[in-house]
Amino acid sequence: MQSKNRFSPATRACVGVVISLAIAALVLFGGTPSSADRGHFLVVLALSAIIGMHTMRYSPAKVELSSSHPFLIYAIATFGPGAAVWIILLGMATTLIVRKNRAAPTRVAFNLAAIALSTVSAGAVFSALGGVPGQSIGRLVLPLLGAALSYSLINSALITLVVSIERPEIRFLKGVVVALQWGGVAYLTGYAIGVAVLYATSVLGKPAIVLILPPCWLLLSFYRMHEARLEAERLRADEVEKLNAELSKSLDELQEALRHIKQLRGMLPICMHCKSIRDDQDVWHRIEAYIVEHSDALLTHSLCDDCRETHYGHLDLKPKPR
């Protein structure tokens, strides 16, 4: 992007549209849990905030991912899509707050808006597939899988859209595919953990929600184990980009130099008497004028020894010794 915390005008317009759509979605579809579930909701909200404080950095794409995806699955199935959006937003908010390199307010707003739209879309797919909060695990498996896939697709698409506008060399569809190839692991793992915790709470009761923490921590640990390798890949990619930029600059300089170089090539028809040269349009030019026009040479008149003797031999024009 143009700078670390600055968007181009086109990107700001896109971000503004995403934020406006997110606000409208929250107003229309946001909700709160029933009074009976409010205490449990607050516990899940707090756990999401704690997990959101620990992120996974994907160096090649220069992004950070949160491991709070299991909370999306659990919250939609337990409290419904309207309440789930607040749990996911809080998890993302803590991610943005505690990160070492603070993002600009516009970026923070966009990230939260993308999460809100992704969660709302996931809730819509969940409901469209017949999902109802509180159903048995067997009936929720398919709707929750659809919700997880929808969330990952919409979130990846929104982020890639902004990146492709800011960096035209990145193709939108290819960027979405790349994002899903890596981030999809986190999303599907989050889906599996969320379903497992749902089953645990249905058997052991609501306090079993704390079982969601160890798998999330393992997910974090898995990516951090590969952090060194990913960082090495990023450094190699940056080095290749630097070399490509230097090569492109050298090529541009060479092409610019070639545009200023004039060379005389091929056979030139020259008069055997006056030594004039004929061009491609059958026009004859004095040899001095032709050379100046078709090369970078500058001519100045002088007198060779033979011509001096032939034409001015009666005059004393020989150079005097120094």
C-alpha atoms as a PDB file:
ATOM      1  CA  MET A   1       0.000   0.000   0.000  1.00  0.00           C
ATOM      2  CA  GLN A   2       1.020   3.557  -0.366  1.00  0.00           C
ATOM      3  CA  SER A   3       2.011   3.900   3.235  1.00  0.00           C
ATOM      4  CA  LYS A   4       1.567   2.074   6.433  1.00  0.00           C
ATOM      5  CA  ASN A   5      -1.507   3.950   7.641  1.00  0.00           C
ATOM      6  CA  ARG A   6      -2.743   5.823   4.574  1.00  0.00           C
ATOM      7  CA  PHE A   7      -5.299   4.776   1.977  1.00  0.00           C
ATOM      8  CA  SER A   8      -5.618   6.104  -1.554  1.00  0.00           C
ATOM      9  CA  PRO A   9      -8.838   8.011  -2.463  1.00  0.00           C
ATOM     10  CA  ALA A  10     -10.255   4.956  -4.260  1.00  0.00           C
ATOM     11  CA  THR A  11      -9.549   2.741  -1.265  1.00  0.00           C
ATOM     12  CA  ARG A  12     -11.059   5.258   1.159  1.00  0.00           C
ATOM     13  CA  ALA A  13     -14.241   5.263  -0.921  1.00  0.00           C
ATOM     14  CA  CYS A  14     -14.384   1.446  -0.818  1.00  0.00           C
ATOM     15  CA  VAL A  15     -13.717   1.440   2.931  1.00  0.00           C
ATOM     16  CA  GLY A  16     -16.476   4.008   3.434  1.00  0.00           C
ATOM     17  CA  VAL A  17     -18.975   1.791   1.607  1.00  0.00           C
ATOM     18  CA  VAL A  18     -17.973  -1.262   3.679  1.00  0.00           C
ATOM     19  CA  ILE A  19     -18.295   0.663   6.942  1.00  0.00           C
ATOM     20  CA  SER A  20     -21.711   2.041   5.927  1.00  0.00           C
ATOM     21  CA  LEU A  21     -22.956  -1.434   5.037  1.00  0.00           C
ATOM     22  CA  ALA A  22     -21.666  -2.798   8.348  1.00  0.00           C
ATOM     23  CA  ILE A  23     -23.466  -0.101  10.344  1.00  0.00           C
ATOM     24  CA  ALA A  24     -26.685  -0.827   8.464  1.00  0.00           C
ATOM     25  CA  ALA A  25     -26.248  -4.582   9.080  1.00  0.00           C
ATOM     26  CA  LEU A  26     -25.709  -4.052  12.804  1.00  0.00           C
ATOM     27  CA  VAL A  27     -28.800  -1.859  13.048  1.00  0.00           C
ATOM     28  CA  LEU A  28     -30.957  -4.329  11.119  1.00  0.00           C
ATOM     29  CA  PHE A  29     -29.620  -7.662  12.349  1.00  0.00           C
ATOM     30  CA  GLY A  30     -27.739  -7.008  15.588  1.00  0.00           C
ATOM     31  CA  GLY A  31     -29.370  -8.350  18.724  1.00  0.00           C
ATOM     32  CA  THR A  32     -28.900  -9.393  22.328  1.00  0.00           C
ATOM     33  CA  PRO A  33     -29.404 -12.750  24.050  1.00  0.00           C
ATOM     34  CA  SER A  34     -32.393 -13.514  26.209  1.00  0.00           C
ATOM     35  CA  SER A  35     -32.225 -12.554  29.863  1.00  0.00           C
ATOM     36  CA  ALA A  36     -31.776 -16.217  30.815  1.00  0.00           C
ATOM     37  CA  ASP A  37     -28.632 -16.484  28.703  1.00  0.00           C
ATOM     38  CA  ARG A  38     -27.196 -13.067  29.576  1.00  0.00           C
ATOM     39  CA  GLY A  39     -24.756 -14.339  32.214  1.00  0.00           C
ATOM     40  CA  HIS A  40     -23.466 -17.056  29.921  1.00  0.00           C
ATOM     41  CA  PHE A  41     -23.238 -14.510  27.109  1.00  0.00           C
ATOM     42  CA  LEU A  42     -21.001 -12.262  29.225  1.00  0.00           C
ATOM     43  CA  VAL A  43     -18.710 -15.190  30.046  1.00  0.00           C
ATOM     44  CA  VAL A  44     -18.321 -16.052  26.358  1.00  0.00           C
ATOM     45  CA  LEU A  45     -17.804 -12.342  25.605  1.00  0.00           C
ATOM     46  CA  ALA A  46     -14.952 -12.190  28.123  1.00  0.00           C
ATOM     47  CA  LEU A  47     -13.334 -15.380  26.796  1.00  0.00           C
ATOM     48  CA  SER A  48     -13.496 -14.026  23.247  1.00  0.00           C
ATOM     49  CA  ALA A  49     -11.737 -10.861  24.390  1.00  0.00           C
ATOM     50  CA  ILE A  50      -9.001 -12.897  26.095  1.00  0.00           C
ATOM     51  CA  ILE A  51      -8.396 -15.089  23.058  1.00  0.00           C
ATOM     52  CA  GLY A  52      -8.522 -12.069  20.753  1.00  0.00           C
ATOM     53  CA  MET A  53      -5.510 -10.605  22.571  1.00  0.00           C
ATOM     54  CA  HIS A  54      -3.324 -13.344  21.077  1.00  0.00           C
ATOM     55  CA  THR A  55      -2.949 -13.303  17.320  1.00  0.00           C
ATOM     56  CA  MET A  56      -1.306 -15.357  14.595  1.00  0.00           C
ATOM     57  CA  ARG A  57       0.855 -13.375  12.184  1.00  0.00           C
ATOM     58  CA  TYR A  58       0.950 -14.548   8.581  1.00  0.00           C
ATOM     59  CA  SER A  59       4.123 -12.801   7.392  1.00  0.00           C
ATOM     60  CA  PRO A  60       3.903 -13.375   3.606  1.00  0.00           C
ATOM     61  CA  ALA A  61       0.551 -11.579   3.518  1.00  0.00           C
ATOM     62  CA  LYS A  62       1.550  -9.152   6.311  1.00  0.00           C
ATOM     63  CA  VAL A  63      -1.691  -9.770   8.207  1.00  0.00           C
ATOM     64  CA  GLU A  64      -2.646 -11.017  11.659  1.00  0.00           C
ATOM     65  CA  LEU A  65      -5.414 -13.495  12.339  1.00  0.00           C
ATOM     66  CA  SER A  66      -7.290 -14.066  15.546  1.00  0.00           C
ATOM     67  CA  SER A  67      -7.980 -17.537  16.914  1.00  0.00           C
ATOM     68  CA  SER A  68     -11.462 -16.526  18.062  1.00  0.00           C
ATOM     69  CA  HIS A  69     -13.214 -18.381  15.213  1.00  0.00           C
ATOM     70  CA  PRO A  70     -14.549 -21.130  17.515  1.00  0.00           C
ATOM     71  CA  PHE A  71     -16.512 -18.423  19.341  1.00  0.00           C
ATOM     72  CA  LEU A  72     -18.296 -17.565  16.086  1.00  0.00           C
ATOM     73  CA  ILE A  73     -19.588 -21.121  15.788  1.00  0.00           C
ATOM     74  CA  TYR A  74     -20.457 -21.425  19.465  1.00  0.00           C
ATOM     75  CA  ALA A  75     -22.125 -18.015  19.689  1.00  0.00           C
ATOM     76  CA  ILE A  76     -24.298 -18.459  16.584  1.00  0.00           C
ATOM     77  CA  ALA A  77     -25.489 -21.872  17.750  1.00  0.00           C
ATOM     78  CA  THR A  78     -26.077 -20.743  21.348  1.00  0.00           C
ATOM     79  CA  PHE A  79     -27.220 -17.110  21.229  1.00  0.00           C
ATOM     80  CA  GLY A  80     -28.166 -16.614  17.581  1.00  0.00           C
ATOM     81  CA  PRO A  81     -26.525 -14.538  14.809  1.00  0.00           C
ATOM     82  CA  GLY A  82     -27.667 -11.197  16.233  1.00  0.00           C
ATOM     83  CA  ALA A  83     -25.829 -11.662  19.528  1.00  0.00           C
ATOM     84  CA  ALA A  84     -22.877 -13.524  18.009  1.00  0.00           C
ATOM     85  CA  VAL A  85     -21.749 -10.449  16.080  1.00  0.00           C
ATOM     86  CA  TRP A  86     -20.931  -8.577  19.313  1.00  0.00           C
ATOM     87  CA  ILE A  87     -18.814 -11.457  20.604  1.00  0.00           C
ATOM     88  CA  ILE A  88     -16.746 -11.580  17.406  1.00  0.00           C
ATOM     89  CA  LEU A  89     -16.441  -7.787  17.249  1.00  0.00           C
ATOM     90  CA  LEU A  90     -15.080  -7.658  20.793  1.00  0.00           C
ATOM     91  CA  GLY A  91     -12.540 -10.360  19.991  1.00  0.00           C
ATOM     92  CA  MET A  92     -11.360  -8.382  16.949  1.00  0.00           C
ATOM     93  CA  ALA A  93     -11.340  -5.126  18.918  1.00  0.00           C
ATOM     94  CA  THR A  94      -8.962  -6.551  21.506  1.00  0.00           C
ATOM     95  CA  THR A  95      -6.780  -7.887  18.690  1.00  0.00           C
ATOM     96  CA  LEU A  96      -6.476  -4.393  17.227  1.00  0.00           C
ATOM     97  CA  ILE A  97      -5.895  -2.752  20.610  1.00  0.00           C
ATOM     98  CA  VAL A  98      -3.098  -4.974  21.921  1.00  0.00           C
ATOM     99  CA  ARG A  99      -1.141  -5.407  18.682  1.00  0.00           C
ATOM    100  CA  LYS A 100       2.356  -3.936  18.701  1.00  0.00           C
ATOM    101  CA  ASN A 101       1.938  -1.836  15.570  1.00  0.00           C
ATOM    102  CA  ARG A 102      -1.247   0.165  16.037  1.00  0.00           C
ATOM    103  CA  ALA A 103      -3.282   0.675  12.896  1.00  0.00           C
ATOM    104  CA  ALA A 104      -4.803   3.982  11.828  1.00  0.00           C
ATOM    105  CA  PRO A 105      -8.440   4.590  12.891  1.00  0.00           C
ATOM    106  CA  THR A 106      -9.628   4.046   9.317  1.00  0.00           C
ATOM    107  CA  ARG A 107      -8.025   0.632   9.202  1.00  0.00           C
ATOM    108  CA  VAL A 108      -9.456  -0.307  12.579  1.00  0.00           C
ATOM    109  CA  ALA A 109     -12.932   0.754  11.441  1.00  0.00           C
ATOM    110  CA  PHE A 110     -12.592  -1.219   8.214  1.00  0.00           C
ATOM    111  CA  ASN A 111     -11.439  -4.391  10.007  1.00  0.00           C
ATOM    112  CA  LEU A 112     -14.346  -4.187  12.435  1.00  0.00           C
ATOM    113  CA  ALA A 113     -16.769  -3.498   9.572  1.00  0.00           C
ATOM    114  CA  ALA A 114     -15.464  -6.499   7.620  1.00  0.00           C
ATOM    115  CA  ILE A 115     -15.882  -8.720  10.674  1.00  0.00           C
ATOM    116  CA  ALA A 116     -19.432  -7.421  11.237  1.00  0.00           C
ATOM    117  CA  LEU A 117     -20.472  -8.050   7.619  1.00  0.00           C
ATOM    118  CA  SER A 118     -18.840 -11.490   7.625  1.00  0.00           C
ATOM    119  CA  THR A 119     -20.627 -12.471  10.845  1.00  0.00           C
ATOM    120  CA  VAL A 120     -23.991 -11.186   9.625  1.00  0.00           C
ATOM    121  CA  SER A 121     -23.574 -13.128   6.363  1.00  0.00           C
ATOM    122  CA  ALA A 122     -22.612 -16.228   8.337  1.00  0.00           C
ATOM    123  CA  GLY A 123     -25.755 -15.835  10.446  1.00  0.00           C
ATOM    124  CA  ALA A 124     -27.885 -15.449   7.307  1.00  0.00           C
ATOM    125  CA  VAL A 125     -26.478 -18.661   5.825  1.00  0.00           C
ATOM    126  CA  PHE A 126     -26.968 -20.421   9.174  1.00  0.00           C
ATOM    127  CA  SER A 127     -30.657 -19.458   9.208  1.00  0.00           C
ATOM    128  CA  ALA A 128     -31.108 -20.234   5.487  1.00  0.00           C
ATOM    129  CA  LEU A 129     -29.852 -23.775   6.064  1.00  0.00           C
ATOM    130  CA  GLY A 130     -32.415 -24.317   8.815  1.00  0.00           C
ATOM    131  CA  GLY A 131     -30.235 -23.572  11.795  1.00  0.00           C
ATOM    132  CA  VAL A 132     -31.968 -22.489  15.007  1.00  0.00           C
ATOM    133  CA  PRO A 133     -30.111 -21.628  18.247  1.00  0.00           C
ATOM    134  CA  GLY A 134     -30.515 -24.379  20.826  1.00  0.00           C
ATOM    135  CA  GLN A 135     -31.046 -27.233  18.356  1.00  0.00           C
ATOM    136  CA  SER A 136     -29.297 -30.568  18.780  1.00  0.00           C
ATOM    137  CA  ILE A 137     -25.751 -30.905  17.550  1.00  0.00           C
ATOM    138  CA  GLY A 138     -26.810 -33.207  14.715  1.00  0.00           C
ATOM    139  CA  ARG A 139     -29.114 -30.580  13.251  1.00  0.00           C
ATOM    140  CA  LEU A 140     -26.589 -27.779  13.649  1.00  0.00           C
ATOM    141  CA  VAL A 141     -23.586 -29.390  11.938  1.00  0.00           C
ATOM    142  CA  LEU A 142     -24.544 -28.445   8.371  1.00  0.00           C
ATOM    143  CA  PRO A 143     -25.864 -24.916   9.104  1.00  0.00           C
ATOM    144  CA  LEU A 144     -22.753 -24.143  11.148  1.00  0.00           C
ATOM    145  CA  LEU A 145     -20.473 -25.437   8.384  1.00  0.00           C
ATOM    146  CA  GLY A 146     -22.258 -23.149   5.935  1.00  0.00           C
ATOM    147  CA  ALA A 147     -21.840 -20.265   8.379  1.00  0.00           C
ATOM    148  CA  ALA A 148     -18.098 -20.948   8.739  1.00  0.00           C
ATOM    149  CA  LEU A 149     -17.588 -21.112   4.969  1.00  0.00           C
ATOM    150  CA  SER A 150     -19.600 -17.941   4.422  1.00  0.00           C
ATOM    151  CA  TYR A 151     -17.667 -16.083   7.099  1.00  0.00           C
ATOM    152  CA  SER A 152     -14.284 -17.092   5.651  1.00  0.00           C
ATOM    153  CA  LEU A 153     -15.304 -16.222   2.071  1.00  0.00           C
ATOM    154  CA  ILE A 154     -16.816 -12.806   2.828  1.00  0.00           C
ATOM    155  CA  ASN A 155     -14.015 -11.794   5.176  1.00  0.00           C
ATOM    156  CA  SER A 156     -11.286 -12.861   2.726  1.00  0.00           C
ATOM    157  CA  ALA A 157     -13.074 -11.140  -0.168  1.00  0.00           C
ATOM    158  CA  LEU A 158     -13.487  -7.821   1.649  1.00  0.00           C
ATOM    159  CA  ILE A 159      -9.851  -7.670   2.739  1.00  0.00           C
ATOM    160  CA  THR A 160      -8.567  -8.749  -0.679  1.00  0.00           C
ATOM    161  CA  LEU A 161     -10.803  -6.159  -2.356  1.00  0.00           C
ATOM    162  CA  VAL A 162      -9.108  -3.320  -0.483  1.00  0.00           C
ATOM    163  CA  VAL A 163      -5.636  -4.778  -1.070  1.00  0.00           C
ATOM    164  CA  SER A 164      -6.285  -5.223  -4.821  1.00  0.00           C
ATOM    165  CA  ILE A 165      -7.479  -1.614  -5.132  1.00  0.00           C
ATOM    166  CA  GLU A 166      -4.421  -0.345  -3.300  1.00  0.00           C
ATOM    167  CA  ARG A 167      -2.037  -2.680  -5.160  1.00  0.00           C
ATOM    168  CA  PRO A 168      -3.333  -3.269  -8.727  1.00  0.00           C
ATOM    169  CA  GLU A 169      -0.703  -5.945  -9.390  1.00  0.00           C
ATOM    170  CA  ILE A 170      -2.650  -8.230  -7.019  1.00  0.00           C
ATOM    171  CA  ARG A 171      -5.548  -9.901  -8.828  1.00  0.00           C
ATOM    172  CA  PHE A 172      -8.736  -9.962  -6.773  1.00  0.00           C
ATOM    173  CA  LEU A 173      -9.812 -13.560  -7.456  1.00  0.00           C
ATOM    174  CA  LYS A 174      -6.288 -14.902  -7.082  1.00  0.00           C
ATOM    175  CA  GLY A 175      -5.901 -12.974  -3.834  1.00  0.00           C
ATOM    176  CA  VAL A 176      -9.120 -14.452  -2.448  1.00  0.00           C
ATOM    177  CA  VAL A 177      -7.962 -17.969  -3.332  1.00  0.00           C
ATOM    178  CA  VAL A 178      -4.586 -17.416  -1.668  1.00  0.00           C
ATOM    179  CA  ALA A 179      -6.250 -15.976   1.447  1.00  0.00           C
ATOM    180  CA  LEU A 180      -8.605 -18.954   1.684  1.00  0.00           C
ATOM    181  CA  GLN A 181      -5.779 -21.445   1.202  1.00  0.00           C
ATOM    182  CA  TRP A 182      -4.052 -20.219   4.333  1.00  0.00           C
ATOM    183  CA  GLY A 183      -6.841 -18.692   6.410  1.00  0.00           C
ATOM    184  CA  GLY A 184      -9.186 -21.544   5.574  1.00  0.00           C
ATOM    185  CA  VAL A 185      -7.174 -23.796   7.889  1.00  0.00           C
ATOM    186  CA  ALA A 186      -7.919 -21.483  10.806  1.00  0.00           C
ATOM    187  CA  TYR A 187     -11.600 -21.151   9.886  1.00  0.00           C
ATOM    188  CA  LEU A 188     -12.224 -24.896   9.504  1.00  0.00           C
ATOM    189  CA  THR A 189     -10.242 -25.659  12.648  1.00  0.00           C
ATOM    190  CA  GLY A 190     -12.335 -23.068  14.454  1.00  0.00           C
ATOM    191  CA  TYR A 191     -15.475 -24.742  13.137  1.00  0.00           C
ATOM    192  CA  ALA A 192     -14.369 -28.132  14.457  1.00  0.00           C
ATOM    193  CA  ILE A 193     -13.433 -26.700  17.857  1.00  0.00           C
ATOM    194  CA  GLY A 194     -16.709 -24.783  18.089  1.00  0.00           C
ATOM    195  CA  VAL A 195     -18.796 -27.881  17.337  1.00  0.00           C
ATOM    196  CA  ALA A 196     -16.774 -29.933  19.836  1.00  0.00           C
ATOM    197  CA  VAL A 197     -17.316 -27.349  22.589  1.00  0.00           C
ATOM    198  CA  LEU A 198     -21.028 -27.228  21.753  1.00  0.00           C
ATOM    199  CA  TYR A 199     -21.208 -30.961  22.307  1.00  0.00           C
ATOM    200  CA  ALA A 200     -19.221 -30.664  25.552  1.00  0.00           C
ATOM    201  CA  THR A 201     -21.566 -27.997  26.946  1.00  0.00           C
ATOM    202  CA  SER A 202     -24.609 -30.045  25.958  1.00  0.00           C
ATOM    203  CA  VAL A 203     -23.243 -32.979  27.985  1.00  0.00           C
ATOM    204  CA  LEU A 204     -21.381 -31.267  30.838  1.00  0.00           C
ATOM    205  CA  GLY A 205     -23.325 -28.023  31.063  1.00  0.00           C
ATOM    206  CA  LYS A 206     -22.441 -24.379  30.340  1.00  0.00           C
ATOM    207  CA  PRO A 207     -19.271 -24.273  32.502  1.00  0.00           C
ATOM    208  CA  ALA A 208     -17.683 -26.564  29.917  1.00  0.00           C
ATOM    209  CA  ILE A 209     -17.270 -23.474  27.744  1.00  0.00           C
ATOM    210  CA  VAL A 210     -13.821 -23.060  29.319  1.00  0.00           C
ATOM    211  CA  LEU A 211     -12.776 -26.132  27.324  1.00  0.00           C
ATOM    212  CA  ILE A 212     -12.631 -23.840  24.305  1.00  0.00           C
ATOM    213  CA  LEU A 213      -9.433 -22.228  25.593  1.00  0.00           C
ATOM    214  CA  PRO A 214      -6.921 -25.138  25.234  1.00  0.00           C
ATOM    215  CA  PRO A 215      -7.765 -25.865  21.550  1.00  0.00           C
ATOM    216  CA  CYS A 216      -7.533 -22.157  20.736  1.00  0.00           C
ATOM    217  CA  TRP A 217      -4.169 -22.025  22.451  1.00  0.00           C
ATOM    218  CA  LEU A 218      -2.996 -25.072  20.460  1.00  0.00           C
ATOM    219  CA  LEU A 219      -4.110 -23.351  17.267  1.00  0.00           C
ATOM    220  CA  LEU A 220      -2.016 -20.341  18.193  1.00  0.00           C
ATOM    221  CA  SER A 221       0.955 -22.517  19.064  1.00  0.00           C
ATOM    222  CA  PHE A 222       0.752 -24.355  15.745  1.00  0.00           C
ATOM    223  CA  TYR A 223       1.108 -21.179  13.737  1.00  0.00           C
ATOM    224  CA  ARG A 224       3.772 -19.747  16.006  1.00  0.00           C
ATOM    225  CA  MET A 225       5.836 -22.903  15.483  1.00  0.00           C
ATOM    226  CA  HIS A 226       5.929 -22.022  11.798  1.00  0.00           C
ATOM    227  CA  GLU A 227       6.504 -18.316  12.388  1.00  0.00           C
ATOM    228  CA  ALA A 228      10.266 -18.553  11.708  1.00  0.00           C
ATOM    229  CA  ARG A 229       9.702 -20.325   8.400  1.00  0.00           C
ATOM    230  CA  LEU A 230       7.021 -17.859   7.376  1.00  0.00           C
ATOM    231  CA  GLU A 231       9.282 -14.949   8.299  1.00  0.00           C
ATOM    232  CA  ALA A 232      12.081 -16.454   6.198  1.00  0.00           C
ATOM    233  CA  GLU A 233       9.670 -16.727   3.264  1.00  0.00           C
ATOM    234  CA  ARG A 234       8.701 -13.095   3.734  1.00  0.00           C
ATOM    235  CA  LEU A 235      12.343 -11.997   3.730  1.00  0.00           C
ATOM    236  CA  ARG A 236      13.011 -13.976   0.569  1.00  0.00           C
ATOM    237  CA  ALA A 237       9.942 -12.487  -1.082  1.00  0.00           C
ATOM    238  CA  ASP A 238      11.012  -8.969  -0.081  1.00  0.00           C
ATOM    239  CA  GLU A 239      14.507  -9.600  -1.471  1.00  0.00           C
ATOM    240  CA  VAL A 240      13.075 -10.840  -4.772  1.00  0.00           C
ATOM    241  CA  GLU A 241      10.816  -7.796  -4.979  1.00  0.00           C
ATOM    242  CA  LYS A 242      13.806  -5.531  -4.318  1.00  0.00           C
ATOM    243  CA  LEU A 243      15.906  -7.233  -7.000  1.00  0.00           C
ATOM    244  CA  ASN A 244      13.017  -7.047  -9.473  1.00  0.00           C
ATOM    245  CA  ALA A 245      12.616  -3.333  -8.762  1.00  0.00           C
ATOM    246  CA  GLU A 246      16.342  -2.724  -9.296  1.00  0.00           C
ATOM    247  CA  LEU A 247      16.305  -4.762 -12.506  1.00  0.00           C
ATOM    248  CA  SER A 248      13.270  -2.865 -13.781  1.00  0.00           C
ATOM    249  CA  LYS A 249      14.968   0.453 -12.999  1.00  0.00           C
ATOM    250  CA  SER A 250      18.153  -0.610 -14.805  1.00  0.00           C
ATOM    251  CA  LEU A 251      16.118  -1.749 -17.815  1.00  0.00           C
ATOM    252  CA  ASP A 252      14.271   1.575 -17.945  1.00  0.00           C
ATOM    253  CA  GLU A 253      17.572   3.456 -17.797  1.00  0.00           C
ATOM    254  CA  LEU A 254      19.002   1.292 -20.591  1.00  0.00           C
ATOM    255  CA  GLN A 255      15.963   1.834 -22.795  1.00  0.00           C
ATOM    256  CA  GLU A 256      16.129   5.566 -22.168  1.00  0.00           C
ATOM    257  CA  ALA A 257      19.812   5.581 -23.141  1.00  0.00           C
ATOM    258  CA  LEU A 258      19.102   3.602 -26.312  1.00  0.00           C
ATOM    259  CA  ARG A 259      16.494   6.162 -27.333  1.00  0.00           C
ATOM    260  CA  HIS A 260      19.207   8.812 -27.317  1.00  0.00           C
ATOM    261  CA  ILE A 261      21.734   6.765 -29.296  1.00  0.00           C
ATOM    262  CA  LYS A 262      21.823   7.283 -33.082  1.00  0.00           C
ATOM    263  CA  GLN A 263      23.864   4.984 -35.251  1.00  0.00           C
ATOM    264  CA  LEU A 264      24.588   4.831 -38.982  1.00  0.00           C
ATOM    265  CA  ARG A 265      23.944   1.324 -40.295  1.00  0.00           C
ATOM    266  CA  GLY A 266      23.797  -0.439 -43.634  1.00  0.00           C
ATOM    267  CA  MET A 267      24.945   0.689 -47.069  1.00  0.00           C
ATOM    268  CA  LEU A 268      24.786   4.434 -47.765  1.00  0.00           C
ATOM    269  CA  PRO A 269      24.595   5.582 -51.426  1.00  0.00           C
ATOM    270  CA  ILE A 270      27.263   8.283 -51.790  1.00  0.00           C
ATOM    271  CA  CYS A 271      28.055  10.366 -54.887  1.00  0.00           C
ATOM    272  CA  MET A 272      31.460   9.486 -56.325  1.00  0.00           C
ATOM    273  CA  HIS A 273      32.162  13.121 -57.141  1.00  0.00           C
ATOM    274  CA  CYS A 274      30.606  15.486 -54.572  1.00  0.00           C
ATOM    275  CA  LYS A 275      30.272  12.826 -51.855  1.00  0.00           C
ATOM    276  CA  SER A 276      26.614  13.706 -51.112  1.00  0.00           C
ATOM    277  CA  ILE A 277      24.534  10.931 -49.553  1.00  0.00           C
ATOM    278  CA  ARG A 278      21.096   9.799 -50.733  1.00  0.00           C
ATOM    279  CA  ASP A 279      18.448   9.012 -48.074  1.00  0.00           C
ATOM    280  CA  ASP A 280      15.482   6.615 -48.197  1.00  0.00           C
ATOM    281  CA  GLN A 281      13.337   9.264 -49.918  1.00  0.00           C
ATOM    282  CA  ASP A 282      15.856   9.647 -52.770  1.00  0.00           C
ATOM    283  CA  VAL A 283      16.894  13.067 -51.489  1.00  0.00           C
ATOM    284  CA  TRP A 284      20.596  13.955 -51.646  1.00  0.00           C
ATOM    285  CA  HIS A 285      22.264  15.620 -48.669  1.00  0.00           C
ATOM    286  CA  ARG A 286      25.680  17.053 -48.135  1.00  0.00           C
ATOM    287  CA  ILE A 287      27.697  14.474 -46.236  1.00  0.00           C
ATOM    288  CA  GLU A 288      28.221  16.849 -43.286  1.00  0.00           C
ATOM    289  CA  ALA A 289      24.491  17.495 -42.912  1.00  0.00           C
ATOM    290  CA  TYR A 290      23.650  13.777 -43.166  1.00  0.00           C
ATOM    291  CA  ILE A 291      26.136  12.765 -40.487  1.00  0.00           C
ATOM    292  CA  VAL A 292      24.939  15.463 -38.077  1.00  0.00           C
ATOM    293  CA  GLU A 293      21.290  14.501 -38.621  1.00  0.00           C
ATOM    294  CA  HIS A 294      21.787  10.760 -38.235  1.00  0.00           C
ATOM    295  CA  SER A 295      24.293  10.645 -35.385  1.00  0.00           C
ATOM    296  CA  ASP A 296      25.283  12.482 -32.255  1.00  0.00           C
ATOM    297  CA  ALA A 297      28.478  13.780 -33.861  1.00  0.00           C
ATOM    298  CA  LEU A 298      29.153  17.505 -34.221  1.00  0.00           C
ATOM    299  CA  LEU A 299      31.323  18.501 -37.205  1.00  0.00           C
ATOM    300  CA  THR A 300      33.796  21.366 -37.485  1.00  0.00           C
ATOM    301  CA  HIS A 301      35.680  22.300 -40.650  1.00  0.00           C
ATOM    302  CA  SER A 302      39.425  21.929 -40.924  1.00  0.00           C
ATOM    303  CA  LEU A 303      42.029  21.376 -43.696  1.00  0.00           C
ATOM    304  CA  CYS A 304      43.991  18.208 -44.306  1.00  0.00           C
ATOM    305  CA  ASP A 305      47.618  18.318 -45.490  1.00  0.00           C
ATOM    306  CA  ASP A 306      46.890  17.099 -49.046  1.00  0.00           C
ATOM    307  CA  CYS A 307      44.155  19.687 -49.664  1.00  0.00           C
ATOM    308  CA  ARG A 308      46.271  22.427 -48.175  1.00  0.00           C
ATOM    309  CA  GLU A 309      49.054  21.606 -50.626  1.00  0.00           C
ATOM    310  CA  THR A 310      46.719  21.246 -53.627  1.00  0.00           C
ATOM    311  CA  HIS A 311      44.604  24.350 -53.159  1.00  0.00           C
ATOM    312  CA  TYR A 312      46.753  26.662 -51.090  1.00  0.00           C
ATOM    313  CA  GLY A 313      50.257  25.546 -51.901  1.00  0.00           C
ATOM    314  CA  HIS A 314      51.260  29.045 -53.051  1.00  0.00           C
ATOM    315  CA  LEU A 315      50.461  30.350 -49.575  1.00  0.00           C
ATOM    316  CA  ASP A 316      52.455  29.718 -46.481  1.00  0.00           C
ATOM    317  CA  LEU A 317      49.714  27.935 -44.463  1.00  0.00           C
ATOM    318  CA  LYS A 318      51.830  25.254 -42.872  1.00  0.00           C
ATOM    319  CA  PRO A 319      51.473  25.146 -39.092  1.00  0.00           C
ATOM    320  CA  LYS A 320      54.360  26.850 -37.402  1.00  0.00           C
ATOM    321  CA  PRO A 321      56.388  24.652 -35.029  1.00  0.00           C
ATOM    322  CA  ARG A 322      55.805  25.341 -31.436  1.00  0.00           C
END
